[in-house]
Amino acid sequence: MTTTTEGRHVRLFRNGRNQAIRIPREFELPGEEAILRKEGNTLVIEPIPTTPLRALLAQWAPLEDAWPDIGDLPAEAVDL
């Protein structure tokens, strides 16, 4: 579903050598990263979809490797 929100006037500023804008609260995106692309003269910012760990693990095939037995080893002396 696409939601269209009316535009809002924002100011551009410099952050080091980069041009930046402050994103108003009503346009905040989830997460810490986003995808930015240019379509003609329009900039499009999209949130990067996150995959919960449980869903990611469900996508992976089970490992068929046999794991070797590792016996209990004595603790090594540590000089503090």
N, C-alpha and C. Protein backbone atom coordinates (compact mmCIF):
# COMPACT_ATOMS: atom_id res chain seq x y z
N MET A 1 0.84 -1.17 0.00
CA MET A 1 0.00 0.00 0.00
C MET A 1 0.89 1.24 0.00
N THR A 2 0.59 2.17 -0.86
CA THR A 2 1.35 3.41 -0.94
C THR A 2 0.57 4.51 -0.24
N THR A 3 1.24 5.21 0.67
CA THR A 3 0.63 6.32 1.37
C THR A 3 1.28 7.60 0.86
N THR A 4 0.46 8.54 0.43
CA THR A 4 0.98 9.81 -0.04
C THR A 4 0.75 10.85 1.04
N THR A 5 1.82 11.55 1.40
CA THR A 5 1.74 12.62 2.38
C THR A 5 2.07 13.92 1.68
N GLU A 6 1.35 14.96 2.02
CA GLU A 6 1.62 16.26 1.42
C GLU A 6 3.03 16.70 1.76
N GLY A 7 3.67 17.39 0.82
CA GLY A 7 5.05 17.82 1.00
C GLY A 7 5.21 18.84 2.11
N ARG A 8 6.45 19.00 2.55
CA ARG A 8 6.76 19.96 3.60
C ARG A 8 8.05 20.67 3.22
N HIS A 9 8.11 21.96 3.42
CA HIS A 9 9.30 22.76 3.12
C HIS A 9 10.37 22.46 4.17
N VAL A 10 11.57 22.10 3.72
CA VAL A 10 12.69 21.84 4.63
C VAL A 10 13.90 22.61 4.12
N ARG A 11 14.85 22.87 5.00
CA ARG A 11 16.08 23.56 4.63
C ARG A 11 17.20 22.54 4.43
N LEU A 12 18.04 22.83 3.46
CA LEU A 12 19.23 22.03 3.22
C LEU A 12 20.38 22.65 4.01
N PHE A 13 21.31 21.81 4.47
CA PHE A 13 22.49 22.32 5.17
C PHE A 13 23.68 21.44 4.85
N ARG A 14 24.85 21.88 5.24
CA ARG A 14 26.08 21.13 5.01
C ARG A 14 26.47 20.39 6.28
N ASN A 15 26.87 19.14 6.11
CA ASN A 15 27.41 18.33 7.19
C ASN A 15 28.76 17.84 6.68
N GLY A 16 29.80 18.60 6.98
CA GLY A 16 31.11 18.30 6.39
C GLY A 16 31.05 18.59 4.90
N ARG A 17 31.39 17.60 4.09
CA ARG A 17 31.35 17.77 2.64
C ARG A 17 30.04 17.29 2.04
N ASN A 18 29.12 16.85 2.87
CA ASN A 18 27.83 16.33 2.39
C ASN A 18 26.72 17.35 2.56
N GLN A 19 25.78 17.33 1.63
CA GLN A 19 24.56 18.12 1.79
C GLN A 19 23.57 17.25 2.55
N ALA A 20 22.80 17.85 3.44
CA ALA A 20 21.90 17.07 4.28
C ALA A 20 20.59 17.82 4.49
N ILE A 21 19.58 17.10 4.96
CA ILE A 21 18.32 17.70 5.40
C ILE A 21 17.97 17.08 6.74
N ARG A 22 17.22 17.80 7.53
CA ARG A 22 16.69 17.25 8.78
C ARG A 22 15.32 16.70 8.44
N ILE A 23 15.10 15.43 8.72
CA ILE A 23 13.82 14.79 8.37
C ILE A 23 12.81 15.09 9.48
N PRO A 24 11.70 15.76 9.14
CA PRO A 24 10.67 16.05 10.14
C PRO A 24 10.09 14.76 10.74
N ARG A 25 9.63 14.85 11.97
CA ARG A 25 9.13 13.70 12.71
C ARG A 25 8.09 12.89 11.94
N GLU A 26 7.18 13.58 11.24
CA GLU A 26 6.12 12.84 10.53
C GLU A 26 6.65 12.03 9.35
N PHE A 27 7.91 12.26 8.96
CA PHE A 27 8.50 11.52 7.86
C PHE A 27 9.59 10.55 8.33
N GLU A 28 9.76 10.39 9.63
CA GLU A 28 10.83 9.53 10.15
C GLU A 28 10.71 8.12 9.60
N LEU A 29 11.87 7.51 9.37
CA LEU A 29 11.95 6.14 8.88
C LEU A 29 12.42 5.24 10.01
N PRO A 30 12.01 3.98 10.00
CA PRO A 30 12.50 3.06 11.02
C PRO A 30 13.95 2.67 10.75
N GLY A 31 14.65 2.26 11.77
CA GLY A 31 16.00 1.74 11.60
C GLY A 31 17.07 2.80 11.60
N GLU A 32 18.28 2.37 11.25
CA GLU A 32 19.45 3.23 11.27
C GLU A 32 19.98 3.53 9.87
N GLU A 33 19.48 2.83 8.85
CA GLU A 33 19.97 3.00 7.49
C GLU A 33 18.81 3.08 6.52
N ALA A 34 19.07 3.64 5.34
CA ALA A 34 18.06 3.75 4.30
C ALA A 34 18.73 3.67 2.94
N ILE A 35 17.94 3.46 1.91
CA ILE A 35 18.40 3.48 0.52
C ILE A 35 18.01 4.82 -0.07
N LEU A 36 18.95 5.50 -0.73
CA LEU A 36 18.69 6.79 -1.37
C LEU A 36 18.95 6.61 -2.86
N ARG A 37 17.99 7.02 -3.68
CA ARG A 37 18.18 6.96 -5.12
C ARG A 37 17.58 8.20 -5.75
N LYS A 38 18.04 8.49 -6.95
CA LYS A 38 17.58 9.67 -7.65
C LYS A 38 16.76 9.22 -8.86
N GLU A 39 15.55 9.77 -8.99
CA GLU A 39 14.68 9.51 -10.13
C GLU A 39 14.42 10.85 -10.79
N GLY A 40 15.19 11.16 -11.85
CA GLY A 40 15.10 12.48 -12.46
C GLY A 40 15.61 13.52 -11.49
N ASN A 41 14.77 14.51 -11.16
CA ASN A 41 15.15 15.54 -10.18
C ASN A 41 14.62 15.22 -8.79
N THR A 42 14.09 14.02 -8.60
CA THR A 42 13.48 13.63 -7.33
C THR A 42 14.39 12.67 -6.56
N LEU A 43 14.59 12.95 -5.28
CA LEU A 43 15.31 12.01 -4.41
C LEU A 43 14.30 11.15 -3.69
N VAL A 44 14.55 9.84 -3.68
CA VAL A 44 13.66 8.90 -3.01
C VAL A 44 14.46 8.22 -1.90
N ILE A 45 13.94 8.27 -0.68
CA ILE A 45 14.59 7.64 0.47
C ILE A 45 13.67 6.52 0.95
N GLU A 46 14.20 5.29 1.00
CA GLU A 46 13.40 4.15 1.44
C GLU A 46 14.09 3.45 2.61
N PRO A 47 13.31 3.04 3.61
CA PRO A 47 13.93 2.30 4.71
C PRO A 47 14.41 0.94 4.22
N ILE A 48 15.47 0.44 4.82
CA ILE A 48 15.95 -0.90 4.50
C ILE A 48 15.13 -1.87 5.34
N PRO A 49 14.43 -2.78 4.68
CA PRO A 49 13.62 -3.72 5.46
C PRO A 49 14.51 -4.62 6.31
N THR A 50 14.13 -4.81 7.54
CA THR A 50 14.90 -5.68 8.43
C THR A 50 14.24 -7.04 8.51
N THR A 51 15.06 -8.06 8.66
CA THR A 51 14.56 -9.42 8.81
C THR A 51 14.85 -9.86 10.24
N PRO A 52 13.82 -10.19 11.01
CA PRO A 52 14.07 -10.68 12.37
C PRO A 52 14.95 -11.93 12.33
N LEU A 53 15.79 -12.09 13.35
CA LEU A 53 16.71 -13.22 13.41
C LEU A 53 15.99 -14.55 13.24
N ARG A 54 14.85 -14.69 13.86
CA ARG A 54 14.10 -15.95 13.77
C ARG A 54 13.71 -16.27 12.32
N ALA A 55 13.27 -15.24 11.57
CA ALA A 55 12.90 -15.43 10.17
C ALA A 55 14.13 -15.73 9.32
N LEU A 56 15.24 -15.08 9.63
CA LEU A 56 16.48 -15.33 8.90
C LEU A 56 16.95 -16.77 9.11
N LEU A 57 16.93 -17.24 10.34
CA LEU A 57 17.34 -18.61 10.63
C LEU A 57 16.42 -19.63 9.96
N ALA A 58 15.14 -19.32 9.84
CA ALA A 58 14.19 -20.23 9.20
C ALA A 58 14.48 -20.38 7.71
N GLN A 59 15.15 -19.41 7.10
CA GLN A 59 15.47 -19.47 5.68
C GLN A 59 16.67 -20.38 5.40
N TRP A 60 17.51 -20.60 6.38
CA TRP A 60 18.73 -21.37 6.18
C TRP A 60 18.47 -22.86 6.26
N ALA A 61 19.16 -23.63 5.43
CA ALA A 61 19.06 -25.09 5.48
C ALA A 61 19.85 -25.59 6.68
N PRO A 62 19.38 -26.66 7.30
CA PRO A 62 20.12 -27.20 8.46
C PRO A 62 21.49 -27.73 8.03
N LEU A 63 22.46 -27.63 8.93
CA LEU A 63 23.80 -28.14 8.66
C LEU A 63 23.80 -29.66 8.79
N GLU A 64 24.42 -30.31 7.85
CA GLU A 64 24.49 -31.78 7.86
C GLU A 64 25.85 -32.27 8.34
N ASP A 65 26.75 -31.34 8.64
CA ASP A 65 28.10 -31.71 9.06
C ASP A 65 28.07 -32.36 10.44
N ALA A 66 28.95 -33.34 10.61
CA ALA A 66 29.10 -33.97 11.92
C ALA A 66 30.13 -33.15 12.70
N TRP A 67 29.79 -32.76 13.90
CA TRP A 67 30.70 -31.96 14.72
C TRP A 67 31.53 -32.91 15.57
N PRO A 68 32.84 -32.66 15.64
CA PRO A 68 33.69 -33.55 16.44
C PRO A 68 33.44 -33.34 17.93
N ASP A 69 33.63 -34.42 18.68
CA ASP A 69 33.52 -34.31 20.14
C ASP A 69 34.76 -33.59 20.66
N ILE A 70 34.57 -32.70 21.57
CA ILE A 70 35.68 -31.97 22.18
C ILE A 70 35.65 -32.29 23.66
N GLY A 71 36.69 -32.94 24.12
CA GLY A 71 36.76 -33.32 25.52
C GLY A 71 37.02 -32.11 26.41
N ASP A 72 36.77 -32.29 27.69
CA ASP A 72 37.06 -31.22 28.64
C ASP A 72 38.57 -31.10 28.81
N LEU A 73 39.08 -29.93 28.54
CA LEU A 73 40.51 -29.70 28.70
C LEU A 73 40.75 -28.98 30.02
N PRO A 74 41.90 -29.25 30.66
CA PRO A 74 42.18 -28.53 31.91
C PRO A 74 42.41 -27.06 31.62
N ALA A 75 42.05 -26.23 32.56
CA ALA A 75 42.24 -24.79 32.41
C ALA A 75 43.74 -24.47 32.39
N GLU A 76 44.12 -23.54 31.54
CA GLU A 76 45.52 -23.12 31.48
C GLU A 76 45.78 -22.07 32.56
N ALA A 77 46.96 -22.11 33.10
CA ALA A 77 47.34 -21.13 34.13
C ALA A 77 47.49 -19.76 33.48
N VAL A 78 47.01 -18.73 34.16
CA VAL A 78 47.10 -17.38 33.67
C VAL A 78 47.87 -16.56 34.68
N ASP A 79 48.88 -15.81 34.21
CA ASP A 79 49.67 -14.98 35.09
C ASP A 79 49.06 -13.58 35.09
N LEU A 80 48.44 -13.19 36.20
CA LEU A 80 47.85 -11.87 36.31
C LEU A 80 48.83 -10.98 36.99
